[in-house]
């Protein structure tokens, strides 16, 4: 069921450039992975993410902007995940096999695989939390920082270069006219925009001692969302999405920083 844990929104305390360019406060034997998050489906959004791993702990620092901002006066929820188990790629235009102008969740699934970890703002970070809108990133821009536990499969995917960060949720008004009327490929009660990917980036290990300057991701041939397919039923429970936000989401309070 949809958790009622409070989500923390708004920009975090000076995390922007510092978090994405500074050296994470982990020991020397840690490994840092980084990706530029590139626009998918014409979202015009952008972002960066850094993940520093030591043992089974991963410090995730992310900053995104340009996403769908709101619906019905409430911040738009953007679920986001580390995806694993496939090609480790973000999907290019050829992934749109239906020809409707939108790469849907199921069309992108062969590229970046299922959910390894959910980048939730609080509570559960397992795939089970993958569709919990109450702990999603909120609004057009947000900064995220949280240390989470990684399972063995996700850690292995990071090491092998096949882990991908994906942020979901499109502004339905930016979709082609025909696609605006389509239901979600996961849950027909939601619009296609609600579950389609907006940002994607393949994580790559940074050389030891290198500054966090960003590593470009190839969106022309690379990764969406078998994990959301697997967790698709969760969207039924989250059918409030941005299209019933008045009942599901409380007003923004505090900061977006999460621990």
Protein backbone atom coordinates (compact mmCIF):
# COMPACT_ATOMS: atom_id res chain seq x y z
CA UNK A 1 0.00 0.00 0.00
CA UNK A 2 1.02 3.58 -0.50
CA UNK A 3 3.11 4.71 2.42
CA UNK A 4 2.09 7.80 4.34
CA UNK A 5 5.63 8.66 5.34
CA UNK A 6 6.29 12.33 4.85
CA UNK A 7 8.28 13.24 1.76
CA UNK A 8 10.86 15.98 1.92
CA UNK A 9 10.94 18.34 -0.98
CA UNK A 10 12.48 21.72 -1.98
CA UNK A 11 16.21 22.21 -2.54
CA UNK A 12 18.50 20.67 0.07
CA UNK A 13 20.96 22.77 1.99
CA UNK A 14 23.62 23.83 -0.52
CA UNK A 15 23.89 20.36 -2.00
CA UNK A 16 23.92 21.43 -5.65
CA UNK A 17 27.41 21.91 -7.01
CA UNK A 18 29.14 20.96 -3.76
CA UNK A 19 27.56 17.52 -3.61
CA UNK A 20 28.14 16.81 -7.26
CA UNK A 21 31.71 18.11 -7.48
CA UNK A 22 33.10 17.54 -4.01
CA UNK A 23 34.67 14.40 -2.63
CA UNK A 24 32.16 12.18 -0.76
CA UNK A 25 32.96 11.63 2.91
CA UNK A 26 33.65 7.92 2.53
CA UNK A 27 36.89 6.05 3.20
CA UNK A 28 39.71 5.79 0.68
CA UNK A 29 38.67 2.27 -0.28
CA UNK A 30 35.26 3.42 -1.50
CA UNK A 31 34.27 3.53 -5.18
CA UNK A 32 32.41 6.43 -6.76
CA UNK A 33 30.10 6.11 -9.76
CA UNK A 34 28.71 9.04 -11.68
CA UNK A 35 26.36 9.81 -14.54
CA UNK A 36 24.90 12.73 -16.38
CA UNK A 37 21.13 12.31 -16.57
CA UNK A 38 19.91 13.07 -20.07
CA UNK A 39 16.45 13.88 -21.34
CA UNK A 40 14.21 11.11 -22.69
CA UNK A 41 10.87 11.58 -24.43
CA UNK A 42 11.48 15.28 -25.00
CA UNK A 43 11.33 16.09 -21.30
CA UNK A 44 14.02 18.79 -21.69
CA UNK A 45 15.16 17.92 -18.17
CA UNK A 46 18.73 17.37 -17.06
CA UNK A 47 20.67 16.29 -14.01
CA UNK A 48 23.67 14.62 -12.44
CA UNK A 49 24.02 11.80 -9.97
CA UNK A 50 26.96 10.54 -7.92
CA UNK A 51 26.95 7.28 -5.94
CA UNK A 52 29.81 6.47 -3.57
CA UNK A 53 29.88 2.86 -2.39
CA UNK A 54 31.66 1.37 0.58
CA UNK A 55 30.69 -2.15 1.54
CA UNK A 56 26.92 -2.42 1.15
CA UNK A 57 26.35 1.29 1.79
CA UNK A 58 25.87 3.80 -1.02
CA UNK A 59 25.76 7.57 -0.61
CA UNK A 60 23.58 8.94 -3.41
CA UNK A 61 23.78 12.62 -4.32
CA UNK A 62 21.66 13.91 -7.18
CA UNK A 63 20.46 17.18 -8.63
CA UNK A 64 17.82 17.43 -11.38
CA UNK A 65 15.95 20.25 -13.07
CA UNK A 66 13.50 20.87 -15.89
CA UNK A 67 11.08 18.05 -15.05
CA UNK A 68 7.29 18.30 -15.10
CA UNK A 69 6.53 20.72 -12.27
CA UNK A 70 2.98 20.26 -11.05
CA UNK A 71 -0.54 19.08 -11.58
CA UNK A 72 -3.64 20.51 -9.95
CA UNK A 73 -1.47 22.86 -7.97
CA UNK A 74 0.61 20.13 -6.33
CA UNK A 75 4.23 19.11 -7.00
CA UNK A 76 4.51 16.41 -9.64
CA UNK A 77 5.92 13.16 -8.20
CA UNK A 78 8.89 11.63 -10.01
CA UNK A 79 9.71 8.08 -8.93
CA UNK A 80 13.36 7.22 -9.54
CA UNK A 81 15.50 4.12 -9.34
CA UNK A 82 18.80 2.40 -9.95
CA UNK A 83 17.98 -0.12 -12.67
CA UNK A 84 19.98 -3.28 -13.22
CA UNK A 85 20.08 -6.60 -15.02
CA UNK A 86 19.93 -5.65 -18.69
CA UNK A 87 22.15 -3.83 -21.19
CA UNK A 88 22.96 -0.95 -18.88
CA UNK A 89 21.73 1.49 -21.50
CA UNK A 90 19.27 4.33 -21.96
CA UNK A 91 16.82 3.88 -24.84
CA UNK A 92 17.08 5.79 -28.08
CA UNK A 93 14.24 6.68 -30.47
CA UNK A 94 14.24 3.19 -31.97
CA UNK A 95 12.85 1.88 -28.70
CA UNK A 96 9.49 3.45 -29.61
CA UNK A 97 8.19 0.38 -31.37
CA UNK A 98 4.57 1.55 -31.29
CA UNK A 99 5.41 4.70 -33.23
CA UNK A 100 3.38 6.98 -30.97
CA UNK A 101 6.33 9.28 -30.28
CA UNK A 102 6.83 8.14 -26.67
CA UNK A 103 9.19 5.50 -25.30
CA UNK A 104 6.94 3.76 -22.82
CA UNK A 105 8.02 1.81 -19.78
CA UNK A 106 7.67 -1.55 -21.49
CA UNK A 107 9.35 -0.39 -24.67
CA UNK A 108 12.38 0.76 -22.72
CA UNK A 109 12.55 -2.30 -20.48
CA UNK A 110 15.05 -4.32 -22.55
CA UNK A 111 17.63 -1.56 -22.26
CA UNK A 112 18.15 -0.83 -18.57
CA UNK A 113 16.38 -3.65 -16.78
CA UNK A 114 14.55 -3.93 -13.50
CA UNK A 115 14.70 -1.93 -10.30
CA UNK A 116 17.70 -2.72 -8.13
CA UNK A 117 17.11 0.09 -5.64
CA UNK A 118 14.50 2.80 -5.26
CA UNK A 119 15.79 6.32 -4.68
CA UNK A 120 13.03 7.16 -2.23
CA UNK A 121 13.18 10.20 0.03
CA UNK A 122 12.45 8.13 3.14
CA UNK A 123 11.66 4.59 4.24
CA UNK A 124 12.01 1.57 1.98
CA UNK A 125 14.60 1.68 -0.83
CA UNK A 126 13.91 -1.80 -2.21
CA UNK A 127 12.13 -2.46 -5.52
CA UNK A 128 8.90 -2.79 -3.53
CA UNK A 129 8.95 0.98 -3.00
CA UNK A 130 9.45 1.65 -6.68
CA UNK A 131 5.98 3.07 -7.28
CA UNK A 132 5.40 4.83 -3.95
CA UNK A 133 4.59 8.35 -5.08
CA UNK A 134 4.59 9.78 -1.56
CA UNK A 135 8.36 9.29 -1.31
CA UNK A 136 9.20 10.28 -4.88
CA UNK A 137 11.19 13.32 -5.90
CA UNK A 138 8.82 16.24 -6.26
CA UNK A 139 8.41 19.10 -8.69
CA UNK A 140 10.48 20.39 -11.59
CA UNK A 141 13.77 20.62 -9.70
CA UNK A 142 15.06 18.87 -6.62
CA UNK A 143 18.26 17.87 -4.89
CA UNK A 144 18.50 14.43 -3.34
CA UNK A 145 20.96 13.05 -0.83
CA UNK A 146 20.60 9.78 0.99
CA UNK A 147 22.73 6.82 2.08
CA UNK A 148 21.06 3.52 1.24
CA UNK A 149 21.90 -0.17 1.48
CA UNK A 150 22.64 -2.04 -1.74
CA UNK A 151 21.82 -5.67 -2.29
CA UNK A 152 24.38 -7.94 -3.94
CA UNK A 153 22.80 -7.77 -7.39
CA UNK A 154 22.75 -3.97 -7.45
CA UNK A 155 26.33 -3.76 -6.21
CA UNK A 156 27.41 -6.23 -8.90
CA UNK A 157 25.61 -4.24 -11.58
CA UNK A 158 27.42 -1.08 -10.54
CA UNK A 159 30.76 -2.86 -10.75
CA UNK A 160 29.96 -4.29 -14.17
CA UNK A 161 28.85 -0.93 -15.60
CA UNK A 162 25.24 -1.98 -16.20
CA UNK A 163 23.53 0.13 -13.51
CA UNK A 164 21.34 2.96 -14.76
CA UNK A 165 19.54 5.76 -12.94
CA UNK A 166 16.09 6.57 -14.34
CA UNK A 167 13.69 9.33 -13.29
CA UNK A 168 10.07 8.89 -14.39
CA UNK A 169 7.15 11.20 -15.08
CA UNK A 170 6.41 13.42 -18.09
CA UNK A 171 4.29 16.50 -18.59
CA UNK A 172 1.36 15.06 -20.57
CA UNK A 173 1.00 18.34 -22.47
CA UNK A 174 4.41 17.82 -24.08
CA UNK A 175 3.52 14.44 -25.57
CA UNK A 176 2.32 14.07 -29.17
CA UNK A 177 -1.43 14.58 -29.43
CA UNK A 178 -2.20 10.90 -29.90
CA UNK A 179 -0.01 9.85 -26.98
CA UNK A 180 -1.69 12.36 -24.66
CA UNK A 181 -4.83 10.25 -24.86
CA UNK A 182 -3.09 6.92 -24.26
CA UNK A 183 -3.33 5.10 -20.94
CA UNK A 184 -0.23 3.93 -19.13
CA UNK A 185 1.18 0.70 -20.49
CA UNK A 186 1.36 -0.49 -16.87
CA UNK A 187 -1.91 0.73 -15.36
CA UNK A 188 -4.72 1.85 -17.66
CA UNK A 189 -6.17 4.09 -14.95
CA UNK A 190 -3.14 6.37 -15.34
CA UNK A 191 -2.03 8.35 -18.39
CA UNK A 192 0.97 7.21 -20.39
CA UNK A 193 2.93 10.25 -19.21
CA UNK A 194 2.72 9.20 -15.57
CA UNK A 195 4.91 6.12 -15.94
CA UNK A 196 7.18 6.98 -18.86
CA UNK A 197 10.87 7.83 -18.36
CA UNK A 198 12.01 11.44 -18.34
CA UNK A 199 15.72 11.20 -17.42
CA UNK A 200 18.28 8.44 -17.78
CA UNK A 201 22.00 7.95 -17.24
CA UNK A 202 24.34 4.96 -17.13
CA UNK A 203 26.60 4.96 -14.07
CA UNK A 204 30.33 4.63 -14.63
CA UNK A 205 33.13 4.27 -12.07
CA UNK A 206 35.35 7.30 -11.61
CA UNK A 207 39.12 6.87 -11.42
CA UNK A 208 40.45 6.86 -7.86
CA UNK A 209 40.99 10.39 -6.65
CA UNK A 210 39.24 11.99 -9.63
CA UNK A 211 37.00 15.03 -8.96
CA UNK A 212 33.27 14.68 -9.59
CA UNK A 213 33.23 16.26 -13.02
CA UNK A 214 30.48 14.15 -14.53
CA UNK A 215 30.49 11.26 -16.95
CA UNK A 216 28.42 11.58 -20.07
CA UNK A 217 25.80 8.93 -20.74
CA UNK A 218 24.92 7.70 -24.20
CA UNK A 219 21.19 8.09 -24.65
CA UNK A 220 21.31 7.23 -28.30
CA UNK A 221 21.61 3.51 -27.72
CA UNK A 222 21.10 2.94 -24.10
CA UNK A 223 18.03 2.05 -21.06
CA UNK A 224 13.76 1.97 -19.33
CA UNK A 225 11.90 0.00 -17.02
CA UNK A 226 11.37 -3.69 -16.57
CA UNK A 227 11.40 -2.98 -12.88
CA UNK A 228 8.29 -0.87 -13.18
CA UNK A 229 6.71 -3.62 -15.23
CA UNK A 230 7.43 -6.03 -12.40
CA UNK A 231 6.11 -3.54 -9.89
CA UNK A 232 3.32 -2.38 -12.16
CA UNK A 233 0.61 -3.39 -9.74
CA UNK A 234 1.97 -0.81 -7.37
CA UNK A 235 0.76 1.91 -9.67
CA UNK A 236 -2.78 0.75 -9.08
CA UNK A 237 -2.27 1.48 -5.41
CA UNK A 238 -0.75 4.79 -6.43
CA UNK A 239 -3.56 5.67 -8.80
CA UNK A 240 -3.75 9.06 -7.16
CA UNK A 241 -0.57 10.00 -9.13
CA UNK A 242 -0.39 13.58 -10.20
CA UNK A 243 -3.97 13.27 -11.33
CA UNK A 244 -5.33 12.93 -7.80
CA UNK A 245 -2.59 14.73 -5.95
CA UNK A 246 -5.05 16.73 -3.88
CA UNK A 247 -5.94 13.59 -1.97
CA UNK A 248 -2.60 11.81 -2.02
CA UNK A 249 0.09 14.40 -1.48
CA UNK A 250 0.44 17.00 1.26
CA UNK A 251 1.81 20.52 0.65
CA UNK A 252 5.56 20.92 0.37
CA UNK A 253 7.30 21.51 3.69
CA UNK A 254 10.89 21.62 4.79
CA UNK A 255 13.74 20.65 2.54
CA UNK A 256 14.28 17.90 -0.01
CA UNK A 257 17.37 16.53 1.72
CA UNK A 258 16.87 13.00 2.94
CA UNK A 259 18.93 10.83 5.19
